[in-house]
Amino acid sequence: MSIVYDRTKTVVRRHVAPGEAVPLHPEAVGFAGHYDFDIDVLAAYRPTGKGRVERQVLIVRDHVLSGRAFSSIEELDSAFNAWVPLRRAKSHGTHGEVIGHRAIRDHMALRPLPATPYVVTQRHLRYVGKDCLVAFDANLYSVPARKVRPRQLVEVRATKTQISLHATMPNADGETLLATHQRAVGRGSCVVDEKHWDGLPDGRNRRTTTGDVPPRPRHQDALGQEAGSLMALLNRAAAVRVEVGRRPLSVYDELTGTRPFTHPTPEEPS
């Protein structure tokens, strides 16, 4: 149910003082969650916490490697395989049981592995462009337009041969996978699944003309009436149908008792 680790960088993100919570590496947490076990990190400054594990290195070195020379890996493997039955026939110094018998019981107590293995990947966060393309390692990869929005943050999981794009939050079915592509070789490639562009504007709704037939004015609707323009608003307003009376300025002069203003003329000689 748990595995003891020392403070290696693949498990611990950084070292902390004794008694503080140890920050675990996200990849190690995902690995442990996939195989359903807990990570038990050794306390600081305790090199004897995994003594039995480290002891196996010295045992193999003393009984298989010391004083011998090997000309190939195959010869080394052959020597090790010949020594393993001898080792398992002995009784263990701590629990007193025959090592081979104890190993069989330990293996039977292990739980079965998941159906799919855990894939160790590089994980990066990237933004989705307006064209539903995600840039990674100087290449572009497409995601479904109907599942993302521009400037959405997605997670890129990269292996040596594959690129998988995941949403940062699961959907209603609990899934995060958006798209999977073969990893591009080199730089400047654009890996696109044409189905991912369904739902994007394709230009077919644009107004185009060859110049032979003049386009219909945009302010006219299908009935040939003016619509959407300022003139159409004025024609529908009641104010344009009000008759405005007109009168000369002399009428205002008579009402106020003033004479109209005239320019002065030069005086006549006496």
Protein backbone atom coordinates (compact mmCIF):
# COMPACT_ATOMS: atom_id res chain seq x y z
CA MET A 1 0.00 0.00 0.00
CA SER A 2 3.01 2.32 0.27
CA ILE A 3 6.54 2.63 -1.08
CA VAL A 4 9.40 4.23 0.83
CA TYR A 5 11.48 6.76 -1.12
CA ASP A 6 14.53 8.73 -0.20
CA ARG A 7 14.62 12.42 -1.09
CA THR A 8 15.40 12.03 -4.76
CA LYS A 9 14.51 14.82 -7.21
CA THR A 10 12.11 12.55 -9.11
CA VAL A 11 9.92 12.36 -5.99
CA VAL A 12 10.64 15.50 -3.92
CA ARG A 13 10.51 18.92 -5.55
CA ARG A 14 12.71 20.59 -2.93
CA HIS A 15 14.20 19.87 0.45
CA VAL A 16 12.53 21.28 3.56
CA ALA A 17 13.39 21.41 7.23
CA PRO A 18 12.56 18.40 9.44
CA GLY A 19 8.91 18.42 10.48
CA GLU A 20 7.65 20.40 7.48
CA ALA A 21 5.41 19.00 4.75
CA VAL A 22 7.45 17.58 1.87
CA PRO A 23 6.40 18.98 -1.54
CA LEU A 24 6.10 16.02 -3.92
CA HIS A 25 6.79 16.08 -7.65
CA PRO A 26 3.50 16.14 -9.66
CA GLU A 27 4.70 13.33 -11.91
CA ALA A 28 5.44 11.13 -8.89
CA VAL A 29 1.99 11.88 -7.48
CA GLY A 30 0.36 10.91 -10.79
CA PHE A 31 2.43 7.71 -10.93
CA ALA A 32 1.41 6.74 -7.39
CA GLY A 33 -2.24 7.53 -8.09
CA HIS A 34 -2.25 5.36 -11.23
CA TYR A 35 -0.89 2.32 -9.36
CA ASP A 36 -2.86 3.14 -6.18
CA PHE A 37 -0.17 3.39 -3.52
CA ASP A 38 1.06 6.03 -1.09
CA ILE A 39 4.46 7.72 -1.20
CA ASP A 40 6.38 7.46 2.08
CA VAL A 41 9.32 9.87 2.09
CA LEU A 42 12.17 9.22 4.47
CA ALA A 43 12.87 11.79 7.14
CA ALA A 44 15.83 14.06 6.60
CA TYR A 45 19.27 12.88 7.72
CA ARG A 46 18.23 9.23 8.13
CA PRO A 47 20.42 7.19 5.78
CA THR A 48 19.51 3.94 7.60
CA GLY A 49 15.81 4.21 6.76
CA LYS A 50 16.23 1.99 3.71
CA GLY A 51 19.07 -0.15 4.99
CA ARG A 52 17.69 -3.45 3.71
CA VAL A 53 17.35 -2.07 0.20
CA GLU A 54 20.82 -0.58 0.14
CA ARG A 55 22.26 -3.77 1.60
CA GLN A 56 21.29 -5.71 -1.52
CA VAL A 57 23.80 -3.69 -3.55
CA LEU A 58 26.66 -4.74 -1.28
CA ILE A 59 25.55 -8.38 -1.27
CA VAL A 60 25.55 -8.58 -5.06
CA ARG A 61 28.86 -6.76 -5.25
CA ASP A 62 30.53 -9.09 -2.72
CA HIS A 63 29.14 -12.41 -4.02
CA VAL A 64 28.97 -11.81 -7.79
CA LEU A 65 31.29 -9.00 -8.85
CA SER A 66 34.24 -8.95 -6.46
CA GLY A 67 37.46 -10.46 -7.85
CA ARG A 68 35.94 -11.31 -11.24
CA ALA A 69 36.17 -9.84 -14.73
CA PHE A 70 33.51 -10.11 -17.41
CA SER A 71 33.98 -9.73 -21.15
CA SER A 72 30.31 -9.04 -21.97
CA ILE A 73 26.94 -8.23 -20.47
CA GLU A 74 25.73 -11.71 -21.30
CA GLU A 75 28.53 -13.23 -19.22
CA LEU A 76 27.67 -10.95 -16.30
CA ASP A 77 23.97 -11.87 -16.51
CA SER A 78 24.83 -15.54 -16.62
CA ALA A 79 26.91 -15.27 -13.45
CA PHE A 80 24.13 -13.40 -11.66
CA ASN A 81 21.42 -15.88 -12.71
CA ALA A 82 23.57 -18.76 -11.45
CA TRP A 83 23.97 -17.06 -8.06
CA VAL A 84 20.27 -16.17 -7.46
CA PRO A 85 19.10 -19.77 -6.62
CA LEU A 86 21.94 -20.09 -4.13
CA ARG A 87 20.93 -16.86 -2.45
CA ARG A 88 17.23 -17.75 -2.26
CA ALA A 89 17.98 -21.09 -0.63
CA LYS A 90 19.48 -19.35 2.41
CA SER A 91 17.64 -18.16 5.50
CA HIS A 92 17.29 -14.44 6.00
CA GLY A 93 19.20 -12.96 8.90
CA THR A 94 16.32 -10.77 10.12
CA HIS A 95 13.05 -12.76 9.84
CA GLY A 96 14.70 -16.20 9.78
CA GLU A 97 12.67 -17.53 6.84
CA VAL A 98 14.02 -19.06 3.67
CA ILE A 99 14.37 -16.16 1.22
CA GLY A 100 12.79 -18.06 -1.68
CA HIS A 101 9.74 -19.10 0.36
CA ARG A 102 9.25 -15.59 1.71
CA ALA A 103 9.52 -14.17 -1.83
CA ILE A 104 6.66 -16.42 -3.06
CA ARG A 105 4.38 -15.27 -0.23
CA ASP A 106 5.30 -11.63 -0.83
CA HIS A 107 4.53 -11.89 -4.55
CA MET A 108 1.12 -13.46 -3.85
CA ALA A 109 0.27 -10.53 -1.56
CA LEU A 110 0.87 -7.97 -4.31
CA ARG A 111 -2.14 -6.55 -6.11
CA PRO A 112 -2.51 -6.89 -9.90
CA LEU A 113 -1.25 -4.10 -12.12
CA PRO A 114 -3.70 -1.79 -13.95
CA ALA A 115 -4.75 -2.73 -17.48
CA THR A 116 -2.90 0.26 -18.96
CA PRO A 117 0.62 1.24 -17.87
CA TYR A 118 1.47 4.70 -16.68
CA VAL A 119 3.09 6.79 -19.40
CA VAL A 120 5.78 9.14 -18.13
CA THR A 121 5.49 12.40 -20.09
CA GLN A 122 6.73 15.94 -20.14
CA ARG A 123 3.94 18.26 -18.99
CA HIS A 124 3.61 21.88 -20.04
CA LEU A 125 0.86 24.51 -20.06
CA ARG A 126 0.10 26.33 -23.32
CA TYR A 127 -2.58 28.72 -24.63
CA VAL A 128 -4.97 27.90 -27.48
CA GLY A 129 -4.83 30.27 -30.45
CA LYS A 130 -7.79 31.69 -32.36
CA ASP A 131 -7.20 29.05 -35.03
CA CYS A 132 -7.43 26.26 -32.42
CA LEU A 133 -3.71 25.53 -32.64
CA VAL A 134 -1.40 24.98 -29.69
CA ALA A 135 2.30 25.76 -29.99
CA PHE A 136 4.79 23.36 -28.45
CA ASP A 137 8.48 22.86 -29.17
CA ALA A 138 8.33 25.15 -32.25
CA ASN A 139 5.46 23.14 -33.80
CA LEU A 140 1.66 23.56 -33.92
CA TYR A 141 -0.96 20.98 -32.94
CA SER A 142 -4.74 21.27 -33.38
CA VAL A 143 -7.48 20.85 -30.78
CA PRO A 144 -11.26 20.59 -31.40
CA ALA A 145 -12.79 24.04 -31.90
CA ARG A 146 -16.06 23.02 -30.23
CA LYS A 147 -14.29 21.97 -27.01
CA VAL A 148 -12.01 24.96 -26.42
CA ARG A 149 -12.03 28.73 -26.64
CA PRO A 150 -9.30 31.16 -27.69
CA ARG A 151 -6.66 31.84 -25.03
CA GLN A 152 -7.77 28.81 -23.04
CA LEU A 153 -5.00 27.17 -21.04
CA VAL A 154 -4.44 23.49 -21.89
CA GLU A 155 -1.91 20.91 -20.76
CA VAL A 156 0.52 19.39 -23.24
CA ARG A 157 1.77 15.89 -22.40
CA ALA A 158 4.69 14.93 -24.60
CA THR A 159 6.52 11.65 -25.09
CA LYS A 160 9.21 10.86 -27.65
CA THR A 161 6.61 9.86 -30.26
CA GLN A 162 3.26 11.33 -29.17
CA ILE A 163 1.63 14.62 -28.17
CA SER A 164 -1.61 14.58 -26.18
CA LEU A 165 -3.54 17.74 -25.31
CA HIS A 166 -5.65 17.82 -22.15
CA ALA A 167 -8.03 20.29 -20.56
CA THR A 168 -7.06 21.52 -17.11
CA MET A 169 -10.54 20.66 -15.80
CA PRO A 170 -12.45 17.41 -16.55
CA ASN A 171 -15.73 17.54 -18.45
CA ALA A 172 -19.07 16.07 -17.35
CA ASP A 173 -17.78 12.55 -18.09
CA GLY A 174 -14.60 13.11 -16.09
CA GLU A 175 -12.41 13.17 -19.21
CA THR A 176 -9.65 15.69 -19.92
CA LEU A 177 -8.24 14.41 -23.23
CA LEU A 178 -8.84 16.82 -26.14
CA ALA A 179 -6.62 15.48 -28.93
CA THR A 180 -3.74 13.13 -29.67
CA HIS A 181 -1.11 13.61 -32.40
CA GLN A 182 2.11 12.03 -33.55
CA ARG A 183 4.99 14.20 -32.37
CA ALA A 184 6.44 16.28 -35.19
CA VAL A 185 10.07 15.83 -36.16
CA GLY A 186 12.07 19.03 -36.33
CA ARG A 187 10.63 22.54 -36.13
CA GLY A 188 8.02 24.58 -37.97
CA SER A 189 5.53 21.74 -38.60
CA CYS A 190 1.74 22.08 -38.33
CA VAL A 191 -0.02 18.87 -37.29
CA VAL A 192 -3.75 19.34 -37.90
CA ASP A 193 -6.80 17.11 -37.83
CA GLU A 194 -9.27 18.75 -40.25
CA LYS A 195 -12.22 17.67 -38.09
CA HIS A 196 -10.93 19.88 -35.29
CA TRP A 197 -11.74 22.99 -37.35
CA ASP A 198 -15.49 22.23 -37.50
CA GLY A 199 -17.25 25.23 -35.99
CA LEU A 200 -14.70 27.85 -36.99
CA PRO A 201 -15.61 30.62 -39.51
CA ASP A 202 -14.70 29.35 -42.98
CA GLY A 203 -15.30 32.53 -45.03
CA ARG A 204 -18.42 31.32 -46.82
CA ASN A 205 -20.51 34.01 -45.13
CA ARG A 206 -18.36 36.84 -46.48
CA ARG A 207 -19.69 39.25 -49.17
CA THR A 208 -17.65 38.76 -52.35
CA THR A 209 -18.16 39.90 -55.96
CA THR A 210 -16.40 39.43 -59.29
CA GLY A 211 -17.31 42.94 -60.48
CA ASP A 212 -19.68 41.74 -63.25
CA VAL A 213 -22.84 42.13 -61.18
CA PRO A 214 -23.03 45.02 -58.74
CA PRO A 215 -23.75 43.82 -55.23
CA ARG A 216 -27.06 44.66 -53.65
CA PRO A 217 -26.82 47.60 -51.23
CA ARG A 218 -26.40 46.41 -47.69
CA HIS A 219 -29.11 48.82 -46.44
CA GLN A 220 -31.82 47.06 -48.49
CA ASP A 221 -33.54 43.92 -47.36
CA ALA A 222 -35.09 41.15 -49.43
CA LEU A 223 -38.22 43.27 -50.17
CA GLY A 224 -36.19 46.10 -51.65
CA GLN A 225 -37.02 48.45 -48.81
CA GLU A 226 -34.50 50.56 -47.01
CA ALA A 227 -33.49 49.07 -43.69
CA GLY A 228 -30.76 49.62 -41.19
CA SER A 229 -29.95 53.16 -42.27
CA LEU A 230 -30.63 56.58 -40.78
CA MET A 231 -33.09 57.40 -43.59
CA ALA A 232 -35.17 54.35 -42.78
CA LEU A 233 -35.39 55.47 -39.16
CA LEU A 234 -36.50 58.95 -40.20
CA ASN A 235 -39.13 57.61 -42.59
CA ARG A 236 -40.63 55.54 -39.79
CA ALA A 237 -40.63 58.45 -37.34
CA ALA A 238 -43.78 60.51 -36.97
CA ALA A 239 -41.80 63.73 -36.81
CA VAL A 240 -41.04 63.68 -40.53
CA ARG A 241 -44.78 63.89 -41.35
CA VAL A 242 -45.41 67.09 -39.33
CA GLU A 243 -46.05 70.13 -41.59
CA VAL A 244 -43.90 73.09 -40.58
CA GLY A 245 -45.34 76.57 -41.19
CA ARG A 246 -43.18 79.30 -42.76
CA ARG A 247 -43.54 83.12 -42.52
CA PRO A 248 -41.35 86.03 -43.59
CA LEU A 249 -39.25 87.97 -41.11
CA SER A 250 -41.30 91.12 -41.68
CA VAL A 251 -44.15 89.57 -39.72
CA TYR A 252 -41.98 89.51 -36.60
CA ASP A 253 -41.07 93.18 -37.19
CA GLU A 254 -44.73 94.19 -37.24
CA LEU A 255 -45.46 92.24 -34.10
CA THR A 256 -42.64 93.86 -32.16
CA GLY A 257 -43.09 97.37 -33.58
CA THR A 258 -39.60 97.66 -34.88
CA ARG A 259 -38.44 98.61 -38.31
CA PRO A 260 -36.32 96.31 -40.32
CA PHE A 261 -32.63 97.03 -40.25
CA THR A 262 -31.22 98.59 -43.41
CA HIS A 263 -27.70 99.48 -44.33
CA PRO A 264 -26.94 103.28 -44.11
CA THR A 265 -26.61 105.18 -47.36
CA PRO A 266 -24.10 107.99 -48.07
CA GLU A 267 -25.30 111.51 -47.22
CA GLU A 268 -26.51 113.59 -50.18
CA PRO A 269 -24.75 116.92 -50.76
CA SER A 270 -26.69 119.94 -49.51
